[in-house]
Amino acid sequence: MTGYGRGSAVKNNIVTEIELKSVNSRFLEIFLKFPPSLADRDYELREIIKSKIQRGKVNGIIQLKSNTKSEFTNLNEEKLKEYISLVKKVKKTAQIDEPLKLEHIISGIDIISTTDIEVTDLEFDVVKKALKNAIADLLKMKKNEGVEISMDLTKRIKSIEKKVISIENGFKKNVNEYYKKLQQRIKALTKENEIDNKRLNLELAIIVDKSDLTEECVRLKSHLKFFIESMNKHSRPGKKLNFLCQELNREANTISSKSITTSITHKAVLIKEEIEKIREQIQNIE
């Protein structure tokens, strides 16, 4: 799910500011930008994020700033003089009359550098605190989105449940009609030929039994119930919901293949459409 979080902390006049952004992804991908002084802490920073977030493309920016009036920047005067001399020589050789501007100097060479801030173990604890604050802020936003997704999923599950009940109730009536139609069709085909009614009824009963949808409807309702329970009771139901979607789709396919009427087939198709929409939603749920 998408989310945005900020976190900050201060220690020994060094301010740590962290921004995290998360967008939808089936897997966890982490991209971090931080000062060189935190390069050897990259693994630990990623592990903190992994402990709280399991899915999504996470982009993070970590900044270390001075909390005092002094600036952590240096001007390389020697390099500046050399560069100005070089620019003048280029202008003269190329016969360019354009006046020398500030952006020509700043963009052309690294004459202004930032002094790297050394981070001790104690100061890194504050970086971790700021990161955890940013994660908590991001998760809060994701939780709000999760509430909206939960409402949408619940609505779709209820829609599927109504269709299953409709199939279950209509099937019993359809079975009797289907049985009578088969009986009449066979008699019409055989005409005056002698028929063993006991054998006929047995064969017809076997055909009708193979079209029975009771088990599929019962399993579907069970999966729907478990889906709602998992969504409401488990803190990270993503993988379980994805598995249940597969089972729901399996039962819907069976109902469609065993259907003896077009009305049931149509309802099975509508159920599969809802399941597909649910599947798309839960790909982003942790």
Protein backbone atom coordinates (compact mmCIF):
# COMPACT_ATOMS: atom_id res chain seq x y z
CA MET A 1 0.00 0.00 0.00
CA THR A 2 1.06 3.59 -0.47
CA GLY A 3 2.25 5.74 2.37
CA TYR A 4 4.44 8.65 3.44
CA GLY A 5 6.24 9.20 6.73
CA ARG A 6 8.64 11.66 8.33
CA GLY A 7 10.82 11.27 11.38
CA SER A 8 13.42 13.42 13.11
CA ALA A 9 15.69 13.32 16.16
CA VAL A 10 18.54 15.39 17.64
CA LYS A 11 21.79 14.33 19.34
CA ASN A 12 25.04 16.28 20.00
CA ASN A 13 23.90 19.21 17.83
CA ILE A 14 23.26 16.90 14.86
CA VAL A 15 19.73 16.81 13.48
CA THR A 16 18.57 13.62 11.77
CA GLU A 17 15.67 14.02 9.33
CA ILE A 18 14.21 11.07 7.45
CA GLU A 19 11.54 10.84 4.76
CA LEU A 20 10.01 7.54 3.64
CA LYS A 21 7.70 6.94 0.69
CA SER A 22 6.06 3.63 -0.12
CA VAL A 23 4.19 2.61 -3.27
CA ASN A 24 2.46 -0.64 -4.22
CA SER A 25 4.58 -3.66 -5.07
CA ARG A 26 4.17 -7.42 -4.64
CA PHE A 27 7.58 -7.64 -2.98
CA LEU A 28 9.66 -5.49 -0.63
CA GLU A 29 12.13 -3.21 -2.41
CA ILE A 30 14.16 -0.64 -0.44
CA PHE A 31 16.04 2.31 -1.93
CA LEU A 32 17.91 4.58 0.48
CA LYS A 33 19.84 7.83 0.04
CA PHE A 34 22.10 8.83 2.91
CA PRO A 35 25.40 10.63 3.66
CA PRO A 36 28.67 8.70 3.17
CA SER A 37 29.08 8.51 6.95
CA LEU A 38 26.15 6.07 7.08
CA ALA A 39 27.40 3.81 4.27
CA ASP A 40 28.58 1.12 6.67
CA ARG A 41 25.20 1.22 8.42
CA ASP A 42 23.21 0.43 5.28
CA TYR A 43 22.43 -3.18 6.25
CA GLU A 44 21.22 -2.24 9.71
CA LEU A 45 18.98 0.51 8.35
CA ARG A 46 17.42 -1.89 5.86
CA GLU A 47 16.85 -4.52 8.56
CA ILE A 48 14.92 -1.99 10.66
CA ILE A 49 12.64 -1.30 7.69
CA LYS A 50 12.23 -5.02 6.93
CA SER A 51 11.18 -5.70 10.52
CA LYS A 52 8.19 -3.37 10.11
CA ILE A 53 7.31 -3.49 6.40
CA GLN A 54 6.92 -6.68 4.35
CA ARG A 55 5.67 -5.44 0.98
CA GLY A 56 6.03 -2.31 -1.17
CA LYS A 57 8.62 -0.20 -2.95
CA VAL A 58 10.13 1.97 -0.21
CA ASN A 59 12.21 5.07 -0.99
CA GLY A 60 14.01 6.79 1.88
CA ILE A 61 16.08 9.96 2.25
CA ILE A 62 18.23 10.36 5.36
CA GLN A 63 19.76 13.76 6.10
CA LEU A 64 22.20 14.78 8.81
CA LYS A 65 22.34 18.50 9.54
CA SER A 66 24.11 20.77 12.02
CA ASN A 67 21.96 22.12 14.82
CA THR A 68 24.39 25.02 15.39
CA LYS A 69 25.01 28.29 13.52
CA SER A 70 28.18 26.98 11.91
CA GLU A 71 27.81 25.52 8.44
CA PHE A 72 29.15 22.17 7.37
CA THR A 73 30.37 23.54 4.02
CA ASN A 74 33.81 24.45 2.71
CA LEU A 75 34.90 26.63 -0.21
CA ASN A 76 37.93 25.37 -2.13
CA GLU A 77 39.46 28.73 -3.06
CA GLU A 78 42.43 27.28 -4.99
CA LYS A 79 40.15 25.16 -7.15
CA LEU A 80 37.88 28.17 -7.70
CA LYS A 81 40.79 30.32 -8.96
CA GLU A 82 41.99 27.55 -11.28
CA TYR A 83 38.51 27.07 -12.69
CA ILE A 84 37.97 30.81 -13.34
CA SER A 85 41.31 30.93 -15.16
CA LEU A 86 40.31 27.91 -17.25
CA VAL A 87 36.93 29.44 -18.16
CA LYS A 88 38.59 32.67 -19.28
CA LYS A 89 41.03 30.72 -21.46
CA VAL A 90 38.16 28.77 -23.05
CA LYS A 91 36.26 32.00 -23.77
CA LYS A 92 39.33 33.58 -25.37
CA THR A 93 40.10 30.53 -27.52
CA ALA A 94 36.50 30.13 -28.62
CA GLN A 95 36.07 33.90 -29.02
CA ILE A 96 33.03 34.00 -26.72
CA ASP A 97 32.01 37.44 -25.42
CA GLU A 98 29.42 36.16 -22.95
CA PRO A 99 30.17 37.45 -19.42
CA LEU A 100 31.16 34.95 -16.74
CA LYS A 101 28.16 34.08 -14.51
CA LEU A 102 27.89 32.45 -11.12
CA GLU A 103 26.06 29.37 -12.46
CA HIS A 104 28.93 28.72 -14.88
CA ILE A 105 31.29 28.40 -11.93
CA ILE A 106 29.10 26.43 -9.52
CA SER A 107 27.82 23.91 -12.09
CA GLY A 108 31.19 23.23 -13.67
CA ILE A 109 33.31 21.99 -10.79
CA ASP A 110 33.06 20.86 -7.18
CA ILE A 111 34.33 24.03 -5.50
CA ILE A 112 31.78 23.85 -2.67
CA SER A 113 31.89 20.67 -0.61
CA THR A 114 30.00 19.50 2.42
CA THR A 115 32.02 18.33 5.39
CA ASP A 116 30.98 14.80 6.20
CA ILE A 117 29.50 14.41 9.67
CA GLU A 118 30.96 11.55 11.64
CA VAL A 119 28.32 9.41 13.30
CA THR A 120 29.19 7.66 16.55
CA ASP A 121 27.27 4.68 17.91
CA LEU A 122 25.34 6.96 20.26
CA GLU A 123 24.41 9.29 17.41
CA PHE A 124 23.43 6.35 15.23
CA ASP A 125 20.94 5.33 17.92
CA VAL A 126 19.25 8.66 17.24
CA VAL A 127 19.28 7.93 13.49
CA LYS A 128 17.53 4.65 14.24
CA LYS A 129 15.02 6.46 16.43
CA ALA A 130 14.27 8.93 13.63
CA LEU A 131 13.88 6.03 11.17
CA LYS A 132 11.46 4.22 13.49
CA ASN A 133 9.45 7.43 13.87
CA ALA A 134 9.30 7.78 10.08
CA ILE A 135 8.20 4.15 9.72
CA ALA A 136 5.50 4.61 12.37
CA ASP A 137 4.23 7.70 10.54
CA LEU A 138 4.22 5.82 7.22
CA LEU A 139 2.41 2.81 8.72
CA LYS A 140 -0.24 5.12 10.15
CA MET A 141 -1.02 6.38 6.67
CA LYS A 142 -0.98 2.83 5.26
CA LYS A 143 -3.36 1.74 8.03
CA ASN A 144 -5.85 4.43 7.01
CA GLU A 145 -5.66 3.19 3.42
CA GLY A 146 -6.06 -0.36 4.70
CA VAL A 147 -9.36 0.55 6.36
CA GLU A 148 -10.72 1.75 3.01
CA ILE A 149 -9.50 -1.40 1.24
CA SER A 150 -11.02 -3.56 3.99
CA MET A 151 -14.42 -1.94 3.47
CA ASP A 152 -14.21 -2.55 -0.28
CA LEU A 153 -13.17 -6.19 0.17
CA THR A 154 -15.95 -6.82 2.69
CA LYS A 155 -18.47 -5.40 0.24
CA ARG A 156 -17.23 -7.70 -2.52
CA ILE A 157 -17.21 -10.77 -0.25
CA LYS A 158 -20.84 -10.07 0.74
CA SER A 159 -21.72 -9.76 -2.96
CA ILE A 160 -20.16 -13.17 -3.66
CA GLU A 161 -21.94 -14.68 -0.66
CA LYS A 162 -25.35 -13.54 -1.99
CA LYS A 163 -24.62 -15.11 -5.37
CA VAL A 164 -23.57 -18.40 -3.75
CA ILE A 165 -26.79 -18.54 -1.70
CA SER A 166 -28.76 -17.80 -4.86
CA ILE A 167 -26.97 -20.64 -6.70
CA GLU A 168 -27.55 -23.00 -3.78
CA ASN A 169 -31.27 -22.24 -3.55
CA GLY A 170 -31.86 -22.25 -7.30
CA PHE A 171 -29.91 -25.45 -7.89
CA LYS A 172 -32.37 -27.71 -6.02
CA LYS A 173 -35.23 -26.51 -8.19
CA ASN A 174 -33.12 -26.75 -11.35
CA VAL A 175 -32.10 -30.34 -10.58
CA ASN A 176 -35.69 -31.59 -10.59
CA GLU A 177 -36.42 -29.76 -13.84
CA TYR A 178 -33.21 -31.08 -15.40
CA TYR A 179 -34.09 -34.64 -14.33
CA LYS A 180 -37.55 -34.43 -15.95
CA LYS A 181 -36.15 -32.94 -19.18
CA LEU A 182 -33.61 -35.76 -19.50
CA GLN A 183 -36.33 -38.31 -18.90
CA GLN A 184 -38.58 -36.83 -21.58
CA ARG A 185 -35.72 -36.49 -24.07
CA ILE A 186 -34.67 -40.15 -23.69
CA LYS A 187 -38.24 -41.35 -24.11
CA ALA A 188 -38.61 -39.20 -27.22
CA LEU A 189 -35.41 -40.64 -28.70
CA THR A 190 -36.26 -44.26 -27.93
CA LYS A 191 -39.93 -43.84 -28.95
CA GLU A 192 -41.62 -47.22 -28.91
CA ASN A 193 -38.52 -49.23 -27.97
CA GLU A 194 -38.74 -51.03 -24.70
CA ILE A 195 -36.96 -49.21 -21.82
CA ASP A 196 -35.78 -50.57 -18.50
CA ASN A 197 -37.18 -47.80 -16.27
CA LYS A 198 -35.13 -48.86 -13.26
CA ARG A 199 -31.89 -48.69 -15.25
CA LEU A 200 -32.99 -45.40 -16.82
CA ASN A 201 -33.73 -43.82 -13.46
CA LEU A 202 -30.39 -45.06 -12.12
CA GLU A 203 -28.44 -43.55 -15.02
CA LEU A 204 -30.34 -40.29 -14.76
CA ALA A 205 -29.70 -40.15 -11.02
CA ILE A 206 -25.95 -40.60 -11.63
CA ILE A 207 -25.93 -37.77 -14.20
CA VAL A 208 -27.84 -35.45 -11.86
CA ASP A 209 -25.60 -36.36 -8.92
CA LYS A 210 -22.51 -35.36 -10.90
CA SER A 211 -24.14 -31.96 -11.40
CA ASP A 212 -24.73 -31.48 -7.66
CA LEU A 213 -23.22 -28.16 -6.47
CA THR A 214 -23.85 -28.57 -2.74
CA GLU A 215 -20.23 -29.31 -1.80
CA GLU A 216 -18.85 -26.44 -3.86
CA CYS A 217 -21.32 -23.97 -2.35
CA VAL A 218 -20.54 -25.14 1.19
CA ARG A 219 -16.79 -24.79 0.61
CA LEU A 220 -17.24 -21.38 -0.99
CA LYS A 221 -19.20 -20.08 2.00
CA SER A 222 -16.57 -21.51 4.33
CA HIS A 223 -13.76 -19.77 2.44
CA LEU A 224 -15.70 -16.49 2.44
CA LYS A 225 -16.19 -16.70 6.21
CA PHE A 226 -12.50 -17.46 6.76
CA PHE A 227 -11.55 -14.58 4.44
CA ILE A 228 -13.44 -12.05 6.60
CA GLU A 229 -12.00 -13.55 9.81
CA SER A 230 -8.43 -13.42 8.48
CA MET A 231 -8.86 -9.84 7.30
CA ASN A 232 -10.19 -8.66 10.68
CA LYS A 233 -8.12 -10.74 13.12
CA HIS A 234 -4.66 -11.15 11.55
CA SER A 235 -2.17 -8.27 11.57
CA ARG A 236 -0.57 -9.34 8.25
CA PRO A 237 -3.15 -11.35 6.30
CA GLY A 238 -1.85 -10.65 2.78
CA LYS A 239 -0.47 -14.11 1.93
CA LYS A 240 -3.40 -15.92 3.55
CA LEU A 241 -5.94 -13.82 1.64
CA ASN A 242 -4.08 -14.51 -1.60
CA PHE A 243 -4.28 -18.26 -0.93
CA LEU A 244 -8.01 -18.01 -0.14
CA CYS A 245 -8.55 -16.19 -3.44
CA GLN A 246 -7.05 -19.17 -5.26
CA GLU A 247 -9.43 -21.53 -3.42
CA LEU A 248 -12.44 -19.31 -4.11
CA ASN A 249 -11.57 -19.25 -7.79
CA ARG A 250 -11.15 -23.02 -7.85
CA GLU A 251 -14.66 -23.58 -6.45
CA ALA A 252 -16.16 -20.99 -8.82
CA ASN A 253 -14.58 -22.79 -11.79
CA THR A 254 -16.02 -26.12 -10.61
CA ILE A 255 -19.49 -24.61 -10.26
CA SER A 256 -19.24 -23.18 -13.76
CA SER A 257 -18.15 -26.51 -15.26
CA LYS A 258 -20.88 -28.52 -13.44
CA SER A 259 -23.63 -26.01 -14.08
CA ILE A 260 -26.78 -27.34 -15.73
CA THR A 261 -28.38 -23.94 -16.38
CA THR A 262 -27.19 -20.70 -17.98
CA SER A 263 -28.36 -18.68 -14.96
CA ILE A 264 -25.96 -20.55 -12.65
CA THR A 265 -23.16 -20.22 -15.22
CA HIS A 266 -23.72 -16.46 -15.37
CA LYS A 267 -23.62 -16.18 -11.57
CA ALA A 268 -20.40 -18.20 -11.47
CA VAL A 269 -18.86 -15.79 -14.01
CA LEU A 270 -19.89 -12.81 -11.86
CA ILE A 271 -18.34 -14.50 -8.81
CA LYS A 272 -15.06 -14.98 -10.70
CA GLU A 273 -15.08 -11.31 -11.72
CA GLU A 274 -15.41 -10.26 -8.07
CA ILE A 275 -12.64 -12.66 -7.05
CA GLU A 276 -10.32 -11.15 -9.68
CA LYS A 277 -10.99 -7.65 -8.35
CA ILE A 278 -10.28 -8.88 -4.83
CA ARG A 279 -7.06 -10.54 -6.00
CA GLU A 280 -5.85 -7.24 -7.51
CA GLN A 281 -6.52 -5.43 -4.24
CA ILE A 282 -4.80 -7.90 -1.94
CA GLN A 283 -1.58 -7.92 -3.98
CA ASN A 284 -0.77 -4.71 -2.10
CA ILE A 285 -1.79 -5.89 1.37
CA GLU A 286 0.92 -7.05 3.77
